[in-house]
Amino acid sequence: MFNKNQDERFIEVFKASIQETMQSLIGESPSKALLFHLKFPESAERPTEFSANLRTVLRDGSPVVENAILKRLWDKMGLFLVHASESGSFVERVGRARELYAERQKQRQVFAR
């Protein structure tokens, strides 16, 4: 379903969403320290691992950060925020974003022809 280039581009958008969210929530220096403990950027390539790391470090605060990351991700993808509030785990919603990203890329290729 995903080609390698699409998946790599999605991961880059996801990473940028994480970084921007962390910086906006806690500032640049603290976000660098937190991202280090989250094993970022490598963990962002595996949303399940990233989510587990986030929950280990932030515990009960992780859902707030996860929602903020998802909102930023959806915004960067130019999608409606209603999709970001869909039910499911963080990992499931990142997976849904990945699917929609692939669909949008296919649509752009069709319109470019």
PDB file of N, CA and C in Angstrom:
ATOM      1  N   MET A   1       0.810  -1.191   0.000  1.00  0.00           N
ATOM      2  CA  MET A   1       0.000   0.000   0.000  1.00  0.00           C
ATOM      3  C   MET A   1       0.860   1.264   0.000  1.00  0.00           C
ATOM      4  N   PHE A   2       1.981   1.222   0.720  1.00  0.00           N
ATOM      5  CA  PHE A   2       2.861   2.382   0.782  1.00  0.00           C
ATOM      6  C   PHE A   2       4.101   2.107  -0.044  1.00  0.00           C
ATOM      7  N   ASN A   3       4.509   3.094  -0.834  1.00  0.00           N
ATOM      8  CA  ASN A   3       5.809   2.916  -1.448  1.00  0.00           C
ATOM      9  C   ASN A   3       6.845   3.568  -0.539  1.00  0.00           C
ATOM     10  N   LYS A   4       8.086   3.216  -0.759  1.00  0.00           N
ATOM     11  CA  LYS A   4       9.154   3.633   0.158  1.00  0.00           C
ATOM     12  C   LYS A   4       9.271   5.153   0.256  1.00  0.00           C
ATOM     13  N   ASN A   5       9.196   5.850  -0.872  1.00  0.00           N
ATOM     14  CA  ASN A   5       9.319   7.306  -0.844  1.00  0.00           C
ATOM     15  C   ASN A   5       8.191   7.956  -0.066  1.00  0.00           C
ATOM     16  N   GLN A   6       6.953   7.467  -0.263  1.00  0.00           N
ATOM     17  CA  GLN A   6       5.822   8.015   0.482  1.00  0.00           C
ATOM     18  C   GLN A   6       6.005   7.798   1.974  1.00  0.00           C
ATOM     19  N   ASP A   7       6.422   6.607   2.337  1.00  0.00           N
ATOM     20  CA  ASP A   7       6.590   6.296   3.750  1.00  0.00           C
ATOM     21  C   ASP A   7       7.696   7.145   4.362  1.00  0.00           C
ATOM     22  N   GLU A   8       8.797   7.326   3.652  1.00  0.00           N
ATOM     23  CA  GLU A   8       9.884   8.164   4.159  1.00  0.00           C
ATOM     24  C   GLU A   8       9.429   9.611   4.321  1.00  0.00           C
ATOM     25  N   ARG A   9       8.658  10.108   3.356  1.00  0.00           N
ATOM     26  CA  ARG A   9       8.155  11.481   3.459  1.00  0.00           C
ATOM     27  C   ARG A   9       7.191  11.607   4.631  1.00  0.00           C
ATOM     28  N   PHE A  10       6.335  10.602   4.825  1.00  0.00           N
ATOM     29  CA  PHE A  10       5.420  10.647   5.961  1.00  0.00           C
ATOM     30  C   PHE A  10       6.201  10.675   7.272  1.00  0.00           C
ATOM     31  N   ILE A  11       7.211   9.828   7.392  1.00  0.00           N
ATOM     32  CA  ILE A  11       8.016   9.784   8.622  1.00  0.00           C
ATOM     33  C   ILE A  11       8.664  11.145   8.875  1.00  0.00           C
ATOM     34  N   GLU A  12       9.121  11.813   7.838  1.00  0.00           N
ATOM     35  CA  GLU A  12       9.722  13.142   8.015  1.00  0.00           C
ATOM     36  C   GLU A  12       8.686  14.143   8.528  1.00  0.00           C
ATOM     37  N   VAL A  13       7.467  14.085   8.004  1.00  0.00           N
ATOM     38  CA  VAL A  13       6.398  14.970   8.477  1.00  0.00           C
ATOM     39  C   VAL A  13       6.058  14.631   9.928  1.00  0.00           C
ATOM     40  N   PHE A  14       6.015  13.352  10.252  1.00  0.00           N
ATOM     41  CA  PHE A  14       5.732  12.908  11.616  1.00  0.00           C
ATOM     42  C   PHE A  14       6.824  13.391  12.577  1.00  0.00           C
ATOM     43  N   LYS A  15       8.077  13.243  12.190  1.00  0.00           N
ATOM     44  CA  LYS A  15       9.189  13.706  13.031  1.00  0.00           C
ATOM     45  C   LYS A  15       9.106  15.208  13.267  1.00  0.00           C
ATOM     46  N   ALA A  16       8.839  15.956  12.199  1.00  0.00           N
ATOM     47  CA  ALA A  16       8.734  17.411  12.327  1.00  0.00           C
ATOM     48  C   ALA A  16       7.580  17.774  13.258  1.00  0.00           C
ATOM     49  N   SER A  17       6.479  17.039  13.171  1.00  0.00           N
ATOM     50  CA  SER A  17       5.333  17.289  14.045  1.00  0.00           C
ATOM     51  C   SER A  17       5.706  17.066  15.504  1.00  0.00           C
ATOM     52  N   ILE A  18       6.454  16.013  15.758  1.00  0.00           N
ATOM     53  CA  ILE A  18       6.891  15.721  17.122  1.00  0.00           C
ATOM     54  C   ILE A  18       7.785  16.839  17.639  1.00  0.00           C
ATOM     55  N   GLN A  19       8.800  17.195  16.871  1.00  0.00           N
ATOM     56  CA  GLN A  19       9.737  18.234  17.302  1.00  0.00           C
ATOM     57  C   GLN A  19       9.029  19.558  17.550  1.00  0.00           C
ATOM     58  N   GLU A  20       8.199  19.979  16.617  1.00  0.00           N
ATOM     59  CA  GLU A  20       7.516  21.258  16.743  1.00  0.00           C
ATOM     60  C   GLU A  20       6.572  21.268  17.949  1.00  0.00           C
ATOM     61  N   THR A  21       5.885  20.156  18.160  1.00  0.00           N
ATOM     62  CA  THR A  21       4.972  20.068  19.296  1.00  0.00           C
ATOM     63  C   THR A  21       5.729  20.169  20.609  1.00  0.00           C
ATOM     64  N   MET A  22       6.803  19.422  20.726  1.00  0.00           N
ATOM     65  CA  MET A  22       7.586  19.443  21.964  1.00  0.00           C
ATOM     66  C   MET A  22       8.137  20.838  22.233  1.00  0.00           C
ATOM     67  N   GLN A  23       8.657  21.479  21.196  1.00  0.00           N
ATOM     68  CA  GLN A  23       9.209  22.821  21.384  1.00  0.00           C
ATOM     69  C   GLN A  23       8.134  23.813  21.792  1.00  0.00           C
ATOM     70  N   SER A  24       6.944  23.687  21.209  1.00  0.00           N
ATOM     71  CA  SER A  24       5.886  24.631  21.560  1.00  0.00           C
ATOM     72  C   SER A  24       5.335  24.377  22.960  1.00  0.00           C
ATOM     73  N   LEU A  25       5.363  23.126  23.408  1.00  0.00           N
ATOM     74  CA  LEU A  25       4.832  22.810  24.733  1.00  0.00           C
ATOM     75  C   LEU A  25       5.794  23.137  25.866  1.00  0.00           C
ATOM     76  N   ILE A  26       7.090  22.813  25.673  1.00  0.00           N
ATOM     77  CA  ILE A  26       8.021  22.959  26.807  1.00  0.00           C
ATOM     78  C   ILE A  26       9.258  23.790  26.506  1.00  0.00           C
ATOM     79  N   GLY A  27       9.406  24.262  25.288  1.00  0.00           N
ATOM     80  CA  GLY A  27      10.564  25.083  24.942  1.00  0.00           C
ATOM     81  C   GLY A  27      11.665  24.265  24.287  1.00  0.00           C
ATOM     82  N   GLU A  28      12.619  24.974  23.719  1.00  0.00           N
ATOM     83  CA  GLU A  28      13.645  24.323  22.907  1.00  0.00           C
ATOM     84  C   GLU A  28      14.596  23.433  23.718  1.00  0.00           C
ATOM     85  N   SER A  29      15.213  23.954  24.749  1.00  0.00           N
ATOM     86  CA  SER A  29      16.184  23.161  25.514  1.00  0.00           C
ATOM     87  C   SER A  29      15.540  21.960  26.214  1.00  0.00           C
ATOM     88  N   PRO A  30      14.426  22.159  26.933  1.00  0.00           N
ATOM     89  CA  PRO A  30      13.799  20.991  27.558  1.00  0.00           C
ATOM     90  C   PRO A  30      13.326  19.959  26.532  1.00  0.00           C
ATOM     91  N   SER A  31      12.868  20.428  25.372  1.00  0.00           N
ATOM     92  CA  SER A  31      12.396  19.472  24.368  1.00  0.00           C
ATOM     93  C   SER A  31      13.553  18.635  23.836  1.00  0.00           C
ATOM     94  N   LYS A  32      14.735  19.226  23.709  1.00  0.00           N
ATOM     95  CA  LYS A  32      15.901  18.446  23.269  1.00  0.00           C
ATOM     96  C   LYS A  32      16.216  17.340  24.267  1.00  0.00           C
ATOM     97  N   ALA A  33      16.155  17.666  25.537  1.00  0.00           N
ATOM     98  CA  ALA A  33      16.418  16.662  26.568  1.00  0.00           C
ATOM     99  C   ALA A  33      15.354  15.567  26.555  1.00  0.00           C
ATOM    100  N   LEU A  34      14.106  15.964  26.450  1.00  0.00           N
ATOM    101  CA  LEU A  34      13.023  14.984  26.415  1.00  0.00           C
ATOM    102  C   LEU A  34      13.129  14.090  25.187  1.00  0.00           C
ATOM    103  N   LEU A  35      13.390  14.678  24.034  1.00  0.00           N
ATOM    104  CA  LEU A  35      13.509  13.886  22.804  1.00  0.00           C
ATOM    105  C   LEU A  35      14.675  12.898  22.899  1.00  0.00           C
ATOM    106  N   PHE A  36      15.743  13.297  23.564  1.00  0.00           N
ATOM    107  CA  PHE A  36      16.865  12.382  23.780  1.00  0.00           C
ATOM    108  C   PHE A  36      16.396  11.160  24.570  1.00  0.00           C
ATOM    109  N   HIS A  37      15.638  11.388  25.632  1.00  0.00           N
ATOM    110  CA  HIS A  37      15.148  10.284  26.463  1.00  0.00           C
ATOM    111  C   HIS A  37      14.106   9.426  25.745  1.00  0.00           C
ATOM    112  N   LEU A  38      13.474  10.014  24.737  1.00  0.00           N
ATOM    113  CA  LEU A  38      12.498   9.271  23.940  1.00  0.00           C
ATOM    114  C   LEU A  38      13.167   8.508  22.792  1.00  0.00           C
ATOM    115  N   LYS A  39      14.502   8.604  22.731  1.00  0.00           N
ATOM    116  CA  LYS A  39      15.284   7.968  21.667  1.00  0.00           C
ATOM    117  C   LYS A  39      14.856   8.468  20.287  1.00  0.00           C
ATOM    118  N   PHE A  40      14.558   9.748  20.230  1.00  0.00           N
ATOM    119  CA  PHE A  40      14.168  10.426  19.002  1.00  0.00           C
ATOM    120  C   PHE A  40      15.421  10.839  18.247  1.00  0.00           C
ATOM    121  N   PRO A  41      15.496  10.723  16.957  1.00  0.00           N
ATOM    122  CA  PRO A  41      14.437  10.521  15.981  1.00  0.00           C
ATOM    123  C   PRO A  41      14.188   9.056  15.593  1.00  0.00           C
ATOM    124  N   GLU A  42      15.039   8.147  16.045  1.00  0.00           N
ATOM    125  CA  GLU A  42      14.905   6.748  15.637  1.00  0.00           C
ATOM    126  C   GLU A  42      13.554   6.164  16.036  1.00  0.00           C
ATOM    127  N   SER A  43      13.100   6.483  17.242  1.00  0.00           N
ATOM    128  CA  SER A  43      11.839   5.905  17.717  1.00  0.00           C
ATOM    129  C   SER A  43      10.640   6.393  16.911  1.00  0.00           C
ATOM    130  N   ALA A  44      10.746   7.557  16.296  1.00  0.00           N
ATOM    131  CA  ALA A  44       9.635   8.092  15.500  1.00  0.00           C
ATOM    132  C   ALA A  44       9.379   7.253  14.249  1.00  0.00           C
ATOM    133  N   GLU A  45      10.361   6.494  13.846  1.00  0.00           N
ATOM    134  CA  GLU A  45      10.179   5.619  12.686  1.00  0.00           C
ATOM    135  C   GLU A  45       9.332   4.403  13.050  1.00  0.00           C
ATOM    136  N   ARG A  46       9.149   4.192  14.359  1.00  0.00           N
ATOM    137  CA  ARG A  46       8.327   3.087  14.871  1.00  0.00           C
ATOM    138  C   ARG A  46       7.371   3.677  15.906  1.00  0.00           C
ATOM    139  N   PRO A  47       6.197   4.120  15.464  1.00  0.00           N
ATOM    140  CA  PRO A  47       5.270   4.800  16.374  1.00  0.00           C
ATOM    141  C   PRO A  47       4.936   4.012  17.645  1.00  0.00           C
ATOM    142  N   THR A  48       4.915   2.691  17.569  1.00  0.00           N
ATOM    143  CA  THR A  48       4.639   1.894  18.764  1.00  0.00           C
ATOM    144  C   THR A  48       5.732   2.114  19.804  1.00  0.00           C
ATOM    145  N   GLU A  49       6.977   2.100  19.364  1.00  0.00           N
ATOM    146  CA  GLU A  49       8.097   2.334  20.272  1.00  0.00           C
ATOM    147  C   GLU A  49       8.079   3.767  20.802  1.00  0.00           C
ATOM    148  N   PHE A  50       7.817   4.735  19.910  1.00  0.00           N
ATOM    149  CA  PHE A  50       7.770   6.129  20.341  1.00  0.00           C
ATOM    150  C   PHE A  50       6.704   6.313  21.420  1.00  0.00           C
ATOM    151  N   SER A  51       5.512   5.752  21.194  1.00  0.00           N
ATOM    152  CA  SER A  51       4.425   5.879  22.150  1.00  0.00           C
ATOM    153  C   SER A  51       4.784   5.234  23.484  1.00  0.00           C
ATOM    154  N   ALA A  52       5.394   4.066  23.441  1.00  0.00           N
ATOM    155  CA  ALA A  52       5.803   3.385  24.679  1.00  0.00           C
ATOM    156  C   ALA A  52       6.835   4.218  25.430  1.00  0.00           C
ATOM    157  N   ASN A  53       7.795   4.771  24.723  1.00  0.00           N
ATOM    158  CA  ASN A  53       8.808   5.624  25.355  1.00  0.00           C
ATOM    159  C   ASN A  53       8.165   6.855  25.970  1.00  0.00           C
ATOM    160  N   LEU A  54       7.222   7.453  25.249  1.00  0.00           N
ATOM    161  CA  LEU A  54       6.544   8.648  25.741  1.00  0.00           C
ATOM    162  C   LEU A  54       5.776   8.332  27.024  1.00  0.00           C
ATOM    163  N   ARG A  55       5.106   7.204  27.040  1.00  0.00           N
ATOM    164  CA  ARG A  55       4.341   6.814  28.232  1.00  0.00           C
ATOM    165  C   ARG A  55       5.268   6.494  29.412  1.00  0.00           C
ATOM    166  N   THR A  56       6.432   5.938  29.130  1.00  0.00           N
ATOM    167  CA  THR A  56       7.388   5.646  30.190  1.00  0.00           C
ATOM    168  C   THR A  56       7.907   6.944  30.814  1.00  0.00           C
ATOM    169  N   VAL A  57       8.203   7.917  29.980  1.00  0.00           N
ATOM    170  CA  VAL A  57       8.784   9.171  30.469  1.00  0.00           C
ATOM    171  C   VAL A  57       7.724  10.100  31.066  1.00  0.00           C
ATOM    172  N   LEU A  58       6.602  10.267  30.382  1.00  0.00           N
ATOM    173  CA  LEU A  58       5.603  11.251  30.819  1.00  0.00           C
ATOM    174  C   LEU A  58       4.437  10.661  31.606  1.00  0.00           C
ATOM    175  N   ARG A  59       4.320   9.366  31.616  1.00  0.00           N
ATOM    176  CA  ARG A  59       3.262   8.657  32.341  1.00  0.00           C
ATOM    177  C   ARG A  59       1.873   9.208  32.007  1.00  0.00           C
ATOM    178  N   ASP A  60       1.161   9.730  32.981  1.00  0.00           N
ATOM    179  CA  ASP A  60      -0.212  10.190  32.767  1.00  0.00           C
ATOM    180  C   ASP A  60      -0.305  11.412  31.857  1.00  0.00           C
ATOM    181  N   GLY A  61       0.794  12.106  31.646  1.00  0.00           N
ATOM    182  CA  GLY A  61       0.795  13.277  30.769  1.00  0.00           C
ATOM    183  C   GLY A  61       0.928  12.932  29.300  1.00  0.00           C
ATOM    184  N   SER A  62       1.231  11.689  28.994  1.00  0.00           N
ATOM    185  CA  SER A  62       1.484  11.324  27.597  1.00  0.00           C
ATOM    186  C   SER A  62       0.281  11.502  26.668  1.00  0.00           C
ATOM    187  N   PRO A  63      -0.966  11.225  27.101  1.00  0.00           N
ATOM    188  CA  PRO A  63      -2.083  11.431  26.169  1.00  0.00           C
ATOM    189  C   PRO A  63      -2.238  12.880  25.698  1.00  0.00           C
ATOM    190  N   VAL A  64      -1.950  13.822  26.578  1.00  0.00           N
ATOM    191  CA  VAL A  64      -2.035  15.236  26.204  1.00  0.00           C
ATOM    192  C   VAL A  64      -1.017  15.538  25.107  1.00  0.00           C
ATOM    193  N   VAL A  65       0.193  15.041  25.276  1.00  0.00           N
ATOM    194  CA  VAL A  65       1.251  15.272  24.289  1.00  0.00           C
ATOM    195  C   VAL A  65       0.933  14.525  22.999  1.00  0.00           C
ATOM    196  N   GLU A  66       0.446  13.298  23.109  1.00  0.00           N
ATOM    197  CA  GLU A  66       0.085  12.531  21.911  1.00  0.00           C
ATOM    198  C   GLU A  66      -0.971  13.266  21.094  1.00  0.00           C
ATOM    199  N   ASN A  67      -1.998  13.799  21.760  1.00  0.00           N
ATOM    200  CA  ASN A  67      -3.037  14.534  21.039  1.00  0.00           C
ATOM    201  C   ASN A  67      -2.490  15.783  20.376  1.00  0.00           C
ATOM    202  N   ALA A  68      -1.595  16.480  21.053  1.00  0.00           N
ATOM    203  CA  ALA A  68      -0.986  17.677  20.475  1.00  0.00           C
ATOM    204  C   ALA A  68      -0.146  17.311  19.254  1.00  0.00           C
ATOM    205  N   ILE A  69       0.589  16.207  19.319  1.00  0.00           N
ATOM    206  CA  ILE A  69       1.388  15.748  18.177  1.00  0.00           C
ATOM    207  C   ILE A  69       0.468  15.410  17.009  1.00  0.00           C
ATOM    208  N   LEU A  70      -0.607  14.698  17.292  1.00  0.00           N
ATOM    209  CA  LEU A  70      -1.544  14.329  16.227  1.00  0.00           C
ATOM    210  C   LEU A  70      -2.174  15.553  15.583  1.00  0.00           C
ATOM    211  N   LYS A  71      -2.561  16.526  16.376  1.00  0.00           N
ATOM    212  CA  LYS A  71      -3.140  17.747  15.822  1.00  0.00           C
ATOM    213  C   LYS A  71      -2.145  18.453  14.907  1.00  0.00           C
ATOM    214  N   ARG A  72      -0.902  18.512  15.346  1.00  0.00           N
ATOM    215  CA  ARG A  72       0.135  19.151  14.524  1.00  0.00           C
ATOM    216  C   ARG A  72       0.348  18.355  13.236  1.00  0.00           C
ATOM    217  N   LEU A  73       0.375  17.037  13.348  1.00  0.00           N
ATOM    218  CA  LEU A  73       0.559  16.169  12.181  1.00  0.00           C
ATOM    219  C   LEU A  73      -0.553  16.385  11.172  1.00  0.00           C
ATOM    220  N   TRP A  74      -1.794  16.364  11.627  1.00  0.00           N
ATOM    221  CA  TRP A  74      -2.924  16.557  10.716  1.00  0.00           C
ATOM    222  C   TRP A  74      -2.855  17.925  10.062  1.00  0.00           C
ATOM    223  N   ASP A  75      -2.470  18.943  10.840  1.00  0.00           N
ATOM    224  CA  ASP A  75      -2.351  20.290  10.293  1.00  0.00           C
ATOM    225  C   ASP A  75      -1.281  20.343   9.209  1.00  0.00           C
ATOM    226  N   LYS A  76      -0.144  19.734   9.465  1.00  0.00           N
ATOM    227  CA  LYS A  76       0.955  19.728   8.492  1.00  0.00           C
ATOM    228  C   LYS A  76       0.565  18.987   7.213  1.00  0.00           C
ATOM    229  N   MET A  77      -0.325  18.010   7.362  1.00  0.00           N
ATOM    230  CA  MET A  77      -0.770  17.240   6.206  1.00  0.00           C
ATOM    231  C   MET A  77      -1.907  17.949   5.467  1.00  0.00           C
ATOM    232  N   GLY A  78      -2.417  19.043   6.045  1.00  0.00           N
ATOM    233  CA  GLY A  78      -3.500  19.778   5.419  1.00  0.00           C
ATOM    234  C   GLY A  78      -4.831  19.056   5.485  1.00  0.00           C
ATOM    235  N   LEU A  79      -5.004  18.242   6.519  1.00  0.00           N
ATOM    236  CA  LEU A  79      -6.240  17.484   6.678  1.00  0.00           C
ATOM    237  C   LEU A  79      -7.099  18.115   7.766  1.00  0.00           C
ATOM    238  N   PHE A  80      -8.369  17.812   7.711  1.00  0.00           N
ATOM    239  CA  PHE A  80      -9.298  18.349   8.693  1.00  0.00           C
ATOM    240  C   PHE A  80      -9.023  17.771  10.065  1.00  0.00           C
ATOM    241  N   LEU A  81      -9.171  18.599  11.053  1.00  0.00           N
ATOM    242  CA  LEU A  81      -8.905  18.204  12.426  1.00  0.00           C
ATOM    243  C   LEU A  81      -9.857  17.121  12.916  1.00  0.00           C
ATOM    244  N   VAL A  82     -11.006  16.976  12.279  1.00  0.00           N
ATOM    245  CA  VAL A  82     -11.960  15.958  12.705  1.00  0.00           C
ATOM    246  C   VAL A  82     -11.323  14.571  12.652  1.00  0.00           C
ATOM    247  N   HIS A  83     -10.440  14.340  11.696  1.00  0.00           N
ATOM    248  CA  HIS A  83      -9.765  13.048  11.605  1.00  0.00           C
ATOM    249  C   HIS A  83      -8.835  12.823  12.794  1.00  0.00           C
ATOM    250  N   ALA A  84      -8.248  13.881  13.297  1.00  0.00           N
ATOM    251  CA  ALA A  84      -7.309  13.752  14.410  1.00  0.00           C
ATOM    252  C   ALA A  84      -8.004  13.308  15.682  1.00  0.00           C
ATOM    253  N   SER A  85      -9.303  13.587  15.783  1.00  0.00           N
ATOM    254  CA  SER A  85     -10.013  13.220  17.000  1.00  0.00           C
ATOM    255  C   SER A  85     -10.689  11.852  16.896  1.00  0.00           C
ATOM    256  N   GLU A  86     -10.407  11.134  15.827  1.00  0.00           N
ATOM    257  CA  GLU A  86     -10.977   9.790  15.690  1.00  0.00           C
ATOM    258  C   GLU A  86     -10.562   8.939  16.884  1.00  0.00           C
ATOM    259  N   SER A  87     -11.399   7.961  17.196  1.00  0.00           N
ATOM    260  CA  SER A  87     -11.066   7.093  18.319  1.00  0.00           C
ATOM    261  C   SER A  87      -9.940   6.148  17.934  1.00  0.00           C
ATOM    262  N   GLY A  88      -9.332   5.586  18.930  1.00  0.00           N
ATOM    263  CA  GLY A  88      -8.224   4.667  18.720  1.00  0.00           C
ATOM    264  C   GLY A  88      -7.007   5.128  19.479  1.00  0.00           C
ATOM    265  N   SER A  89      -6.048   4.260  19.535  1.00  0.00           N
ATOM    266  CA  SER A  89      -4.803   4.589  20.219  1.00  0.00           C
ATOM    267  C   SER A  89      -3.984   5.561  19.386  1.00  0.00           C
ATOM    268  N   PHE A  90      -2.977   6.100  19.996  1.00  0.00           N
ATOM    269  CA  PHE A  90      -2.058   6.991  19.295  1.00  0.00           C
ATOM    270  C   PHE A  90      -1.484   6.283  18.074  1.00  0.00           C
ATOM    271  N   VAL A  91      -1.049   5.061  18.242  1.00  0.00           N
ATOM    272  CA  VAL A  91      -0.434   4.299  17.152  1.00  0.00           C
ATOM    273  C   VAL A  91      -1.444   4.065  16.028  1.00  0.00           C
ATOM    274  N   GLU A  92      -2.671   3.747  16.385  1.00  0.00           N
ATOM    275  CA  GLU A  92      -3.703   3.541  15.367  1.00  0.00           C
ATOM    276  C   GLU A  92      -3.985   4.830  14.600  1.00  0.00           C
ATOM    277  N   ARG A  93      -4.014   5.948  15.307  1.00  0.00           N
ATOM    278  CA  ARG A  93      -4.291   7.228  14.646  1.00  0.00           C
ATOM    279  C   ARG A  93      -3.114   7.683  13.786  1.00  0.00           C
ATOM    280  N   VAL A  94      -1.891   7.364  14.189  1.00  0.00           N
ATOM    281  CA  VAL A  94      -0.737   7.646  13.326  1.00  0.00           C
ATOM    282  C   VAL A  94      -0.827   6.774  12.072  1.00  0.00           C
ATOM    283  N   GLY A  95      -1.231   5.525  12.243  1.00  0.00           N
ATOM    284  CA  GLY A  95      -1.422   4.639  11.096  1.00  0.00           C
ATOM    285  C   GLY A  95      -2.472   5.171  10.137  1.00  0.00           C
ATOM    286  N   ARG A  96      -3.551   5.711  10.685  1.00  0.00           N
ATOM    287  CA  ARG A  96      -4.602   6.297   9.843  1.00  0.00           C
ATOM    288  C   ARG A  96      -4.061   7.521   9.112  1.00  0.00           C
ATOM    289  N   ALA A  97      -3.268   8.324   9.772  1.00  0.00           N
ATOM    290  CA  ALA A  97      -2.657   9.486   9.125  1.00  0.00           C
ATOM    291  C   ALA A  97      -1.750   9.030   7.989  1.00  0.00           C
ATOM    292  N   ARG A  98      -1.014   7.958   8.204  1.00  0.00           N
ATOM    293  CA  ARG A  98      -0.120   7.415   7.174  1.00  0.00           C
ATOM    294  C   ARG A  98      -0.937   6.968   5.954  1.00  0.00           C
ATOM    295  N   GLU A  99      -2.062   6.316   6.201  1.00  0.00           N
ATOM    296  CA  GLU A  99      -2.926   5.880   5.098  1.00  0.00           C
ATOM    297  C   GLU A  99      -3.461   7.074   4.309  1.00  0.00           C
ATOM    298  N   LEU A 100      -3.937   8.082   5.023  1.00  0.00           N
ATOM    299  CA  LEU A 100      -4.468   9.270   4.349  1.00  0.00           C
ATOM    300  C   LEU A 100      -3.374  10.016   3.597  1.00  0.00           C
ATOM    301  N   TYR A 101      -2.183  10.027   4.145  1.00  0.00           N
ATOM    302  CA  TYR A 101      -1.055  10.657   3.464  1.00  0.00           C
ATOM    303  C   TYR A 101      -0.789   9.947   2.139  1.00  0.00           C
ATOM    304  N   ALA A 102      -0.792   8.623   2.166  1.00  0.00           N
ATOM    305  CA  ALA A 102      -0.573   7.846   0.940  1.00  0.00           C
ATOM    306  C   ALA A 102      -1.671   8.109  -0.084  1.00  0.00           C
ATOM    307  N   GLU A 103      -2.914   8.190   0.386  1.00  0.00           N
ATOM    308  CA  GLU A 103      -4.037   8.477  -0.509  1.00  0.00           C
ATOM    309  C   GLU A 103      -3.888   9.846  -1.158  1.00  0.00           C
ATOM    310  N   ARG A 104      -3.498  10.828  -0.365  1.00  0.00           N
ATOM    311  CA  ARG A 104      -3.325  12.195  -0.905  1.00  0.00           C
ATOM    312  C   ARG A 104      -2.198  12.238  -1.918  1.00  0.00           C
ATOM    313  N   GLN A 105      -1.132  11.494  -1.666  1.00  0.00           N
ATOM    314  CA  GLN A 105      -0.023  11.468  -2.613  1.00  0.00           C
ATOM    315  C   GLN A 105      -0.463  10.848  -3.931  1.00  0.00           C
ATOM    316  N   LYS A 106      -1.264   9.795  -3.865  1.00  0.00           N
ATOM    317  CA  LYS A 106      -1.789   9.155  -5.080  1.00  0.00           C
ATOM    318  C   LYS A 106      -2.679  10.123  -5.845  1.00  0.00           C
ATOM    319  N   GLN A 107      -3.530  10.850  -5.120  1.00  0.00           N
ATOM    320  CA  GLN A 107      -4.412  11.820  -5.759  1.00  0.00           C
ATOM    321  C   GLN A 107      -3.602  12.912  -6.447  1.00  0.00           C
ATOM    322  N   ARG A 108      -2.548  13.360  -5.813  1.00  0.00           N
ATOM    323  CA  ARG A 108      -1.705  14.396  -6.415  1.00  0.00           C
ATOM    324  C   ARG A 108      -1.042  13.892  -7.681  1.00  0.00           C
ATOM    325  N   GLN A 109      -0.643  12.625  -7.685  1.00  0.00           N
ATOM    326  CA  GLN A 109      -0.020  12.046  -8.873  1.00  0.00           C
ATOM    327  C   GLN A 109      -1.020  11.963 -10.014  1.00  0.00           C
ATOM    328  N   VAL A 110      -2.261  11.621  -9.702  1.00  0.00           N
ATOM    329  CA  VAL A 110      -3.297  11.529 -10.730  1.00  0.00           C
ATOM    330  C   VAL A 110      -3.566  12.903 -11.309  1.00  0.00           C
ATOM    331  N   PHE A 111      -3.686  13.933 -10.471  1.00  0.00           N
ATOM    332  CA  PHE A 111      -3.958  15.273 -10.947  1.00  0.00           C
ATOM    333  C   PHE A 111      -2.781  15.866 -11.700  1.00  0.00           C
ATOM    334  N   ALA A 112      -1.582  15.414 -11.423  1.00  0.00           N
ATOM    335  CA  ALA A 112      -0.381  15.926 -12.082  1.00  0.00           C
ATOM    336  C   ALA A 112      -0.259  15.403 -13.516  1.00  0.00           C
ATOM    337  N   ARG A 113      -0.973  14.356 -13.827  1.00  0.00           N
ATOM    338  CA  ARG A 113      -0.873  13.749 -15.165  1.00  0.00           C
ATOM    339  C   ARG A 113      -1.629  14.514 -16.195  1.00  0.00           C
TER     340      ARG A 113
END
